[in-house]
Amino acid sequence: MDKLSSCLLSLTILLVSLQLAAQQRSPRPPASDFNIELINLEAPSFMASVPGTGARSGYIAQAKLRRIPAWKPSEEVPAEVSALRIGFWLEAGAVRVDVTAYLGPSEPDLGPTDLEKLRSAKVASHLVREDETVSISETERYGIEPFMVKVFRAGLWNGAAEIVNKTQALTVTSMAQERPVFRVAVRNVSHKHIDGIRWYGLENGQKGGGSAMSGARLIRAGGVFEIRHHFGLEKTATSNVISQQEPAREIVIAAILFEDGTFEGEPDEAAEMAAGLTGLRIQLLRAIQLFKSISPASTVNEPASLSRLKREVASLGEEIDTQIVNELTARFANTSEDTRKRRIREELKNSLQSGKRNLRSEIEKFEYQLNHSTGHAEFGVWVKETLQNHESMLGSN
């Protein structure tokens, strides 16, 4: 696994409660024949399918907005942009693109409902036709570098994908597709709880990304789990090409980790997943000790206690314990040389960093509530609830 893929895997280690909520989200609207590409907004390129007639979709850019350093607030735009929402839908045979700015300070990682509470301003509206690229330069007035929007016809899609299951404990119960996403329901038919699952996609035999989820008793014995795999949105060939052949797609259920430490599936995939889960649990244990060390008396002076907690979190170690690496290497002795010498170590490092970032993000969110909430955010209550959440994530291991 390359460094980028490894980082992406670490970011997929989520709270079990969040995973379950994601399983219950509303079905995506049917896709149209068009895709949209956002160029140089938060990343060099982001592509999404445009929903069918009567439905709308969108993208919220917040954390990585490309801001203009010299920009200053004005009477027209009195505060800096907290987030941009790019909405898009079908209109008159083309794609309508609306850009809205949300102004003022905001809590990190706000959802659409929370953003609606902020002051908003209409930035731009464009009707973008097939194979047309439009520059959204109106954002400059709001202190954001221009970005581009391109609309192109979607590639061939027949909704077919083969499921390759490398495990024995999971059995596939159903599959549905909402271009370009496949939803695969699996049941744990074993008597053991599963703490982690990993899968990836193949197109014409080429690995096209993957994902993993981990957490205490993620899939209980007899329980059902839904895999959501997103295939890439490729542009169609040019009009002078006579025909296109749709790629052969596969979804590979690569590996699972049981609560007792055993695994099924591809050893390399299981080893990386185990390393990631190990790093996460190390930081969870450290976080639990930090929150347990906060005395009830210290919650009276909330700013001082919060500042101390932030310093302690910043000092949490990210160093790799050689003994842990050796234990993982011995546990997964049948893996490739690259996994034993590099990938286990990299995944452990990434998960230690990810766990620390997650904890820092939790503190920043509470700090925002403390400074901006109309009600009274109680530090002691937050400490107790956060401690309970972390202990629940850790499970019995």
Protein backbone atom coordinates (compact mmCIF):
# COMPACT_ATOMS: atom_id res chain seq x y z
CA MET A 1 0.00 0.00 0.00
CA ASP A 2 1.38 3.45 -0.89
CA LYS A 3 1.57 6.29 1.64
CA LEU A 4 -1.62 8.01 0.40
CA SER A 5 -3.65 4.81 0.49
CA SER A 6 -2.33 4.05 3.96
CA CYS A 7 -3.35 7.49 5.20
CA LEU A 8 -6.79 7.10 3.71
CA LEU A 9 -7.17 3.76 5.46
CA SER A 10 -6.28 5.29 8.82
CA LEU A 11 -8.88 7.98 8.33
CA THR A 12 -11.54 5.30 7.90
CA ILE A 13 -11.09 4.03 11.46
CA LEU A 14 -14.29 5.48 12.92
CA LEU A 15 -16.37 5.24 16.02
CA VAL A 16 -18.75 2.30 15.94
CA SER A 17 -21.67 4.64 16.60
CA LEU A 18 -20.73 6.74 13.60
CA GLN A 19 -20.39 3.64 11.46
CA LEU A 20 -23.84 2.44 12.40
CA ALA A 21 -25.30 5.85 11.67
CA ALA A 22 -23.68 5.77 8.26
CA GLN A 23 -25.31 2.41 7.61
CA GLN A 24 -28.74 4.00 8.13
CA ARG A 25 -28.39 7.04 5.87
CA SER A 26 -30.97 7.77 3.19
CA PRO A 27 -30.59 6.16 -0.24
CA ARG A 28 -28.82 8.29 -2.82
CA PRO A 29 -31.03 9.71 -5.60
CA PRO A 30 -30.67 7.97 -8.99
CA ALA A 31 -27.80 9.38 -11.02
CA SER A 32 -28.18 11.17 -14.34
CA ASP A 33 -25.97 10.66 -17.40
CA PHE A 34 -23.66 13.47 -16.26
CA ASN A 35 -20.74 13.81 -13.88
CA ILE A 36 -19.32 17.01 -12.44
CA GLU A 37 -15.69 17.79 -11.66
CA LEU A 38 -14.60 20.46 -9.18
CA ILE A 39 -11.05 21.54 -9.99
CA ASN A 40 -8.71 23.22 -7.47
CA LEU A 41 -11.36 23.77 -4.81
CA GLU A 42 -10.01 21.76 -1.87
CA ALA A 43 -8.10 19.27 -3.97
CA PRO A 44 -6.81 19.19 -7.54
CA SER A 45 -9.90 17.25 -8.60
CA PHE A 46 -13.15 16.02 -7.07
CA MET A 47 -15.74 14.19 -9.17
CA ALA A 48 -19.34 13.30 -8.39
CA SER A 49 -22.37 12.05 -10.27
CA VAL A 50 -25.13 14.58 -10.98
CA PRO A 51 -28.48 13.29 -9.67
CA GLY A 52 -31.41 12.62 -11.98
CA THR A 53 -34.28 14.95 -12.78
CA GLY A 54 -35.94 16.51 -9.74
CA ALA A 55 -33.10 15.72 -7.31
CA ARG A 56 -30.26 17.93 -6.08
CA SER A 57 -26.84 17.19 -4.70
CA GLY A 58 -23.86 19.16 -3.51
CA TYR A 59 -20.44 19.41 -1.93
CA ILE A 60 -19.33 21.36 1.14
CA ALA A 61 -15.78 22.73 1.15
CA GLN A 62 -14.53 23.81 4.54
CA ALA A 63 -11.26 22.54 5.99
CA LYS A 64 -8.98 22.98 2.96
CA LEU A 65 -10.34 26.08 1.24
CA ARG A 66 -7.63 27.89 -0.72
CA ARG A 67 -7.76 31.30 0.92
CA ILE A 68 -6.29 34.55 -0.42
CA PRO A 69 -3.77 35.69 2.23
CA ALA A 70 -4.17 39.43 1.55
CA TRP A 71 -7.99 39.39 1.74
CA LYS A 72 -9.65 41.64 4.35
CA PRO A 73 -13.30 41.89 5.47
CA SER A 74 -15.33 44.69 3.89
CA GLU A 75 -18.76 46.24 4.21
CA GLU A 76 -19.98 43.90 1.47
CA VAL A 77 -18.38 40.80 3.02
CA PRO A 78 -17.98 41.55 6.75
CA ALA A 79 -16.53 38.19 7.83
CA GLU A 80 -14.36 35.46 6.39
CA VAL A 81 -15.87 32.40 4.75
CA SER A 82 -16.35 29.43 7.03
CA ALA A 83 -17.50 27.09 4.24
CA LEU A 84 -18.60 27.02 0.61
CA ARG A 85 -21.49 24.91 -0.56
CA ILE A 86 -21.53 23.92 -4.22
CA GLY A 87 -24.99 22.70 -5.21
CA PHE A 88 -25.65 21.05 -8.57
CA TRP A 89 -28.66 19.62 -10.41
CA LEU A 90 -30.06 19.06 -13.90
CA GLU A 91 -31.64 22.06 -15.61
CA ALA A 92 -32.56 22.53 -19.28
CA GLY A 93 -30.34 19.71 -20.50
CA ALA A 94 -27.33 21.07 -18.62
CA VAL A 95 -26.15 21.27 -15.00
CA ARG A 96 -26.98 24.22 -12.78
CA VAL A 97 -24.17 25.03 -10.34
CA ASP A 98 -24.89 27.31 -7.37
CA VAL A 99 -22.18 28.49 -4.98
CA THR A 100 -23.13 29.72 -1.49
CA ALA A 101 -20.75 31.12 1.13
CA TYR A 102 -21.29 30.76 4.89
CA LEU A 103 -19.71 33.58 6.84
CA GLY A 104 -18.29 33.78 10.34
CA PRO A 105 -16.54 31.40 12.74
CA SER A 106 -17.83 27.87 12.88
CA GLU A 107 -17.23 24.62 14.67
CA PRO A 108 -14.95 22.24 12.74
CA ASP A 109 -16.66 19.74 10.43
CA LEU A 110 -20.14 21.21 10.60
CA GLY A 111 -22.94 19.48 8.70
CA PRO A 112 -25.41 21.14 6.31
CA THR A 113 -28.00 21.76 9.06
CA ASP A 114 -25.44 23.51 11.27
CA LEU A 115 -24.18 25.66 8.40
CA GLU A 116 -27.68 26.95 7.75
CA LYS A 117 -27.50 28.70 11.14
CA LEU A 118 -24.67 30.91 9.85
CA ARG A 119 -25.04 34.02 7.73
CA SER A 120 -25.00 33.05 4.04
CA ALA A 121 -24.37 34.85 0.76
CA LYS A 122 -25.06 33.82 -2.83
CA VAL A 123 -21.68 33.81 -4.57
CA ALA A 124 -22.40 32.58 -8.09
CA SER A 125 -24.80 30.62 -10.29
CA HIS A 126 -23.84 29.08 -13.65
CA LEU A 127 -25.49 26.76 -16.16
CA VAL A 128 -22.72 24.45 -17.31
CA ARG A 129 -23.22 22.38 -20.44
CA GLU A 130 -21.66 19.07 -21.45
CA ASP A 131 -17.87 19.24 -21.93
CA GLU A 132 -17.86 22.88 -20.78
CA THR A 133 -15.47 24.20 -18.12
CA VAL A 134 -16.44 27.32 -16.15
CA SER A 135 -14.19 29.34 -13.85
CA ILE A 136 -15.84 30.39 -10.57
CA SER A 137 -13.89 33.61 -10.06
CA GLU A 138 -16.63 35.29 -7.99
CA THR A 139 -15.16 33.66 -4.88
CA GLU A 140 -12.28 36.16 -4.93
CA ARG A 141 -14.58 38.79 -3.36
CA TYR A 142 -14.95 36.39 -0.44
CA GLY A 143 -11.25 35.72 0.00
CA ILE A 144 -11.22 32.34 -1.74
CA GLU A 145 -9.11 31.49 -4.77
CA PRO A 146 -11.11 30.78 -7.98
CA PHE A 147 -11.87 27.19 -8.87
CA MET A 148 -13.27 25.51 -11.99
CA VAL A 149 -16.30 23.34 -12.71
CA LYS A 150 -16.49 20.88 -15.59
CA VAL A 151 -19.47 18.80 -16.73
CA PHE A 152 -18.99 15.63 -18.77
CA ARG A 153 -21.06 12.63 -19.75
CA ALA A 154 -20.76 9.66 -17.44
CA GLY A 155 -19.00 6.50 -18.53
CA LEU A 156 -20.80 3.27 -19.36
CA TRP A 157 -22.53 1.66 -16.38
CA ASN A 158 -24.59 -1.49 -16.34
CA GLY A 159 -24.68 -1.88 -12.58
CA ALA A 160 -22.78 -5.17 -12.65
CA ALA A 161 -20.06 -6.20 -10.23
CA GLU A 162 -18.79 -9.57 -9.05
CA ILE A 163 -18.42 -10.11 -5.31
CA VAL A 164 -15.24 -11.98 -4.33
CA ASN A 165 -15.43 -13.09 -0.69
CA LYS A 166 -12.11 -14.14 0.85
CA THR A 167 -13.68 -14.97 4.24
CA GLN A 168 -15.72 -17.86 5.58
CA ALA A 169 -17.47 -16.06 8.45
CA LEU A 170 -19.23 -13.56 6.18
CA THR A 171 -21.94 -14.45 3.72
CA VAL A 172 -23.39 -12.01 1.19
CA THR A 173 -27.13 -11.51 1.65
CA SER A 174 -27.89 -8.75 -0.89
CA MET A 175 -26.37 -6.24 -3.30
CA ALA A 176 -27.74 -2.99 -4.72
CA GLN A 177 -26.17 -0.21 -6.78
CA GLU A 178 -26.68 3.53 -7.07
CA ARG A 179 -24.12 4.65 -9.65
CA PRO A 180 -21.27 4.83 -8.80
CA VAL A 181 -21.84 3.22 -5.37
CA PHE A 182 -22.48 -0.45 -4.64
CA ARG A 183 -24.07 -1.52 -1.35
CA VAL A 184 -23.31 -5.08 -0.28
CA ALA A 185 -24.98 -6.54 2.82
CA VAL A 186 -23.06 -9.29 4.61
CA ARG A 187 -23.96 -11.41 7.63
CA ASN A 188 -21.54 -12.77 10.22
CA VAL A 189 -22.47 -16.47 10.35
CA SER A 190 -19.73 -17.34 12.84
CA HIS A 191 -20.02 -17.48 16.62
CA LYS A 192 -17.32 -14.81 17.06
CA HIS A 193 -17.64 -11.02 17.02
CA ILE A 194 -15.75 -9.14 14.30
CA ASP A 195 -13.70 -6.03 15.15
CA GLY A 196 -12.59 -5.08 11.65
CA ILE A 197 -13.38 -5.56 7.98
CA ARG A 198 -11.50 -4.52 4.86
CA TRP A 199 -12.50 -4.50 1.20
CA TYR A 200 -11.36 -3.05 -2.13
CA GLY A 201 -12.50 -2.73 -5.74
CA LEU A 202 -11.04 -3.98 -8.99
CA GLU A 203 -11.70 -2.68 -12.49
CA ASN A 204 -10.29 -4.88 -15.25
CA GLY A 205 -8.06 -6.43 -12.61
CA GLN A 206 -6.63 -3.10 -11.46
CA LYS A 207 -7.02 -2.18 -7.80
CA GLY A 208 -9.02 1.03 -7.61
CA GLY A 209 -9.08 1.98 -3.96
CA GLY A 210 -10.43 0.33 -0.86
CA SER A 211 -11.72 0.97 2.61
CA ALA A 212 -11.87 -0.48 6.08
CA MET A 213 -13.85 -0.07 9.27
CA SER A 214 -12.78 -1.07 12.74
CA GLY A 215 -14.29 -0.91 16.20
CA ALA A 216 -15.14 -3.03 19.20
CA ARG A 217 -17.61 -5.71 18.05
CA LEU A 218 -18.24 -3.91 14.77
CA ILE A 219 -20.12 -6.94 13.42
CA ARG A 220 -21.56 -9.06 16.20
CA ALA A 221 -22.04 -12.80 15.81
CA GLY A 222 -25.12 -13.19 13.62
CA GLY A 223 -25.12 -9.47 12.82
CA VAL A 224 -25.41 -7.74 9.44
CA PHE A 225 -23.04 -5.13 8.02
CA GLU A 226 -23.32 -3.02 4.87
CA ILE A 227 -20.29 -2.45 2.67
CA ARG A 228 -20.48 0.71 0.56
CA HIS A 229 -17.94 0.77 -2.25
CA HIS A 230 -17.49 3.78 -4.51
CA PHE A 231 -16.02 3.13 -7.95
CA GLY A 232 -14.25 5.95 -9.72
CA LEU A 233 -16.15 8.29 -12.04
CA GLU A 234 -14.32 8.07 -15.34
CA LYS A 235 -14.90 10.42 -18.24
CA THR A 236 -16.30 8.96 -21.47
CA ALA A 237 -14.19 8.58 -24.52
CA THR A 238 -14.37 11.38 -27.09
CA SER A 239 -17.19 11.38 -29.61
CA ASN A 240 -14.94 10.14 -32.44
CA VAL A 241 -14.42 6.82 -30.65
CA ILE A 242 -16.89 4.32 -32.07
CA SER A 243 -17.45 2.24 -28.94
CA GLN A 244 -16.46 1.81 -25.35
CA GLN A 245 -16.27 -1.34 -23.31
CA GLU A 246 -17.40 -1.10 -19.74
CA PRO A 247 -14.73 -2.30 -17.29
CA ALA A 248 -15.22 -5.58 -15.44
CA ARG A 249 -15.81 -4.62 -11.80
CA GLU A 250 -15.18 -6.69 -8.69
CA ILE A 251 -15.70 -5.95 -5.01
CA VAL A 252 -13.27 -8.00 -2.95
CA ILE A 253 -14.12 -8.66 0.71
CA ALA A 254 -10.45 -9.02 1.57
CA ALA A 255 -10.14 -9.70 5.29
CA ILE A 256 -11.79 -9.59 8.70
CA LEU A 257 -10.37 -9.41 12.23
CA PHE A 258 -12.11 -11.25 15.05
CA GLU A 259 -12.39 -9.98 18.59
CA ASP A 260 -10.05 -12.73 19.79
CA GLY A 261 -7.25 -11.53 17.46
CA THR A 262 -7.60 -14.21 14.79
CA PHE A 263 -8.43 -13.34 11.18
CA GLU A 264 -9.74 -14.65 7.88
CA GLY A 265 -8.87 -13.56 4.36
CA GLU A 266 -5.74 -12.06 2.81
CA PRO A 267 -2.91 -12.00 5.38
CA ASP A 268 -1.43 -8.71 4.13
CA GLU A 269 -4.76 -6.91 4.34
CA ALA A 270 -5.46 -8.35 7.80
CA ALA A 271 -2.00 -7.38 9.06
CA GLU A 272 -2.40 -3.74 8.01
CA MET A 273 -5.85 -3.61 9.56
CA ALA A 274 -4.54 -5.11 12.82
CA ALA A 275 -1.71 -2.56 12.93
CA GLY A 276 -4.18 0.28 12.43
CA LEU A 277 -6.50 -1.00 15.13
CA THR A 278 -3.54 -1.46 17.50
CA GLY A 279 -2.44 2.16 17.06
CA LEU A 280 -5.96 3.42 17.60
CA ARG A 281 -6.34 1.42 20.81
CA ILE A 282 -3.01 2.71 22.13
CA GLN A 283 -4.20 6.30 21.75
CA LEU A 284 -7.62 5.41 23.17
CA LEU A 285 -5.99 4.02 26.31
CA ARG A 286 -3.89 7.17 26.66
CA ALA A 287 -6.94 9.38 26.16
CA ILE A 288 -8.91 7.45 28.77
CA GLN A 289 -6.12 7.97 31.29
CA LEU A 290 -6.06 11.70 30.51
CA PHE A 291 -9.78 12.09 31.06
CA LYS A 292 -9.71 9.99 34.22
CA SER A 293 -6.99 12.26 35.63
CA ILE A 294 -9.29 15.30 35.45
CA SER A 295 -10.59 15.85 38.97
CA PRO A 296 -14.13 17.17 39.61
CA ALA A 297 -12.65 20.24 41.30
CA SER A 298 -10.67 21.18 38.16
CA THR A 299 -13.85 21.40 36.08
CA VAL A 300 -14.77 24.61 37.91
CA ASN A 301 -12.03 26.51 36.08
CA GLU A 302 -13.01 25.42 32.57
CA PRO A 303 -10.55 27.53 30.50
CA ALA A 304 -7.54 26.47 32.56
CA SER A 305 -8.57 22.80 32.59
CA LEU A 306 -9.23 22.81 28.85
CA SER A 307 -5.87 24.43 28.14
CA ARG A 308 -4.12 21.82 30.27
CA LEU A 309 -5.95 19.01 28.46
CA LYS A 310 -4.95 20.43 25.07
CA ARG A 311 -1.30 20.54 26.13
CA GLU A 312 -1.44 16.95 27.35
CA VAL A 313 -3.04 15.75 24.11
CA ALA A 314 -0.40 17.61 22.08
CA SER A 315 2.28 15.74 24.02
CA LEU A 316 0.83 12.28 23.32
CA GLY A 317 3.48 10.15 21.70
CA GLU A 318 3.48 9.08 18.08
CA GLU A 319 6.62 6.97 18.35
CA ILE A 320 6.44 3.38 17.23
CA ASP A 321 7.15 0.74 19.88
CA THR A 322 9.52 -1.81 18.36
CA GLN A 323 8.13 -4.54 20.61
CA ILE A 324 4.61 -3.98 19.25
CA VAL A 325 5.92 -4.08 15.67
CA ASN A 326 7.72 -7.34 16.41
CA GLU A 327 4.58 -8.84 17.95
CA LEU A 328 2.51 -7.90 14.90
CA THR A 329 5.17 -9.23 12.55
CA ALA A 330 5.25 -12.56 14.40
CA ARG A 331 1.47 -12.72 14.49
CA PHE A 332 1.31 -12.24 10.72
CA ALA A 333 4.39 -14.22 9.75
CA ASN A 334 2.81 -15.42 6.48
CA THR A 335 2.55 -11.94 5.01
CA SER A 336 4.77 -10.52 2.29
CA GLU A 337 8.23 -9.16 3.08
CA ASP A 338 7.01 -5.64 2.25
CA THR A 339 4.20 -5.94 4.80
CA ARG A 340 6.48 -7.28 7.52
CA LYS A 341 9.24 -4.71 6.97
CA ARG A 342 7.31 -1.60 5.97
CA ARG A 343 3.54 -1.68 5.79
CA ILE A 344 2.86 -2.80 9.38
CA ARG A 345 5.13 -0.06 10.69
CA GLU A 346 3.59 2.61 8.44
CA GLU A 347 0.02 1.66 9.33
CA LEU A 348 0.82 1.69 13.05
CA LYS A 349 2.39 5.14 12.71
CA ASN A 350 -0.54 6.50 10.70
CA SER A 351 -3.11 5.22 13.20
CA LEU A 352 -1.22 6.71 16.16
CA GLN A 353 -1.30 10.07 14.38
CA SER A 354 -4.94 9.65 13.36
CA GLY A 355 -6.03 8.78 16.89
CA LYS A 356 -4.29 11.87 18.22
CA ARG A 357 -5.93 14.07 15.55
CA ASN A 358 -9.36 12.67 16.39
CA LEU A 359 -8.89 13.50 20.06
CA ARG A 360 -7.68 17.01 19.25
CA SER A 361 -10.72 17.51 17.00
CA GLU A 362 -13.07 16.48 19.83
CA ILE A 363 -11.49 19.09 22.11
CA GLU A 364 -11.70 21.80 19.44
CA LYS A 365 -15.40 21.10 18.90
CA PHE A 366 -16.14 21.38 22.61
CA GLU A 367 -14.03 24.54 22.82
CA TYR A 368 -16.13 26.06 20.05
CA GLN A 369 -19.34 25.15 21.89
CA LEU A 370 -17.93 26.65 25.05
CA ASN A 371 -17.18 29.95 23.32
CA HIS A 372 -20.18 30.25 20.99
CA SER A 373 -23.07 28.24 22.44
CA THR A 374 -26.12 30.21 23.57
CA GLY A 375 -26.61 27.67 26.34
CA HIS A 376 -24.01 26.64 28.92
CA ALA A 377 -21.67 23.88 27.81
CA GLU A 378 -20.49 22.11 30.96
CA PHE A 379 -16.90 20.93 30.96
CA GLY A 380 -17.53 18.26 33.61
CA VAL A 381 -20.44 16.76 31.66
CA TRP A 382 -18.40 16.74 28.45
CA VAL A 383 -15.47 15.03 30.19
CA LYS A 384 -17.76 12.30 31.55
CA GLU A 385 -19.50 11.69 28.21
CA THR A 386 -16.22 11.67 26.26
CA LEU A 387 -14.69 9.20 28.71
CA GLN A 388 -17.71 6.90 28.36
CA ASN A 389 -17.51 7.09 24.56
CA HIS A 390 -13.84 6.20 24.52
CA GLU A 391 -14.32 3.28 26.91
CA SER A 392 -17.15 2.03 24.67
CA MET A 393 -14.90 2.29 21.60
CA LEU A 394 -12.17 0.34 23.33
CA GLY A 395 -14.53 -2.52 24.14
CA SER A 396 -13.32 -5.46 26.15
CA ASN A 397 -9.81 -5.55 24.67
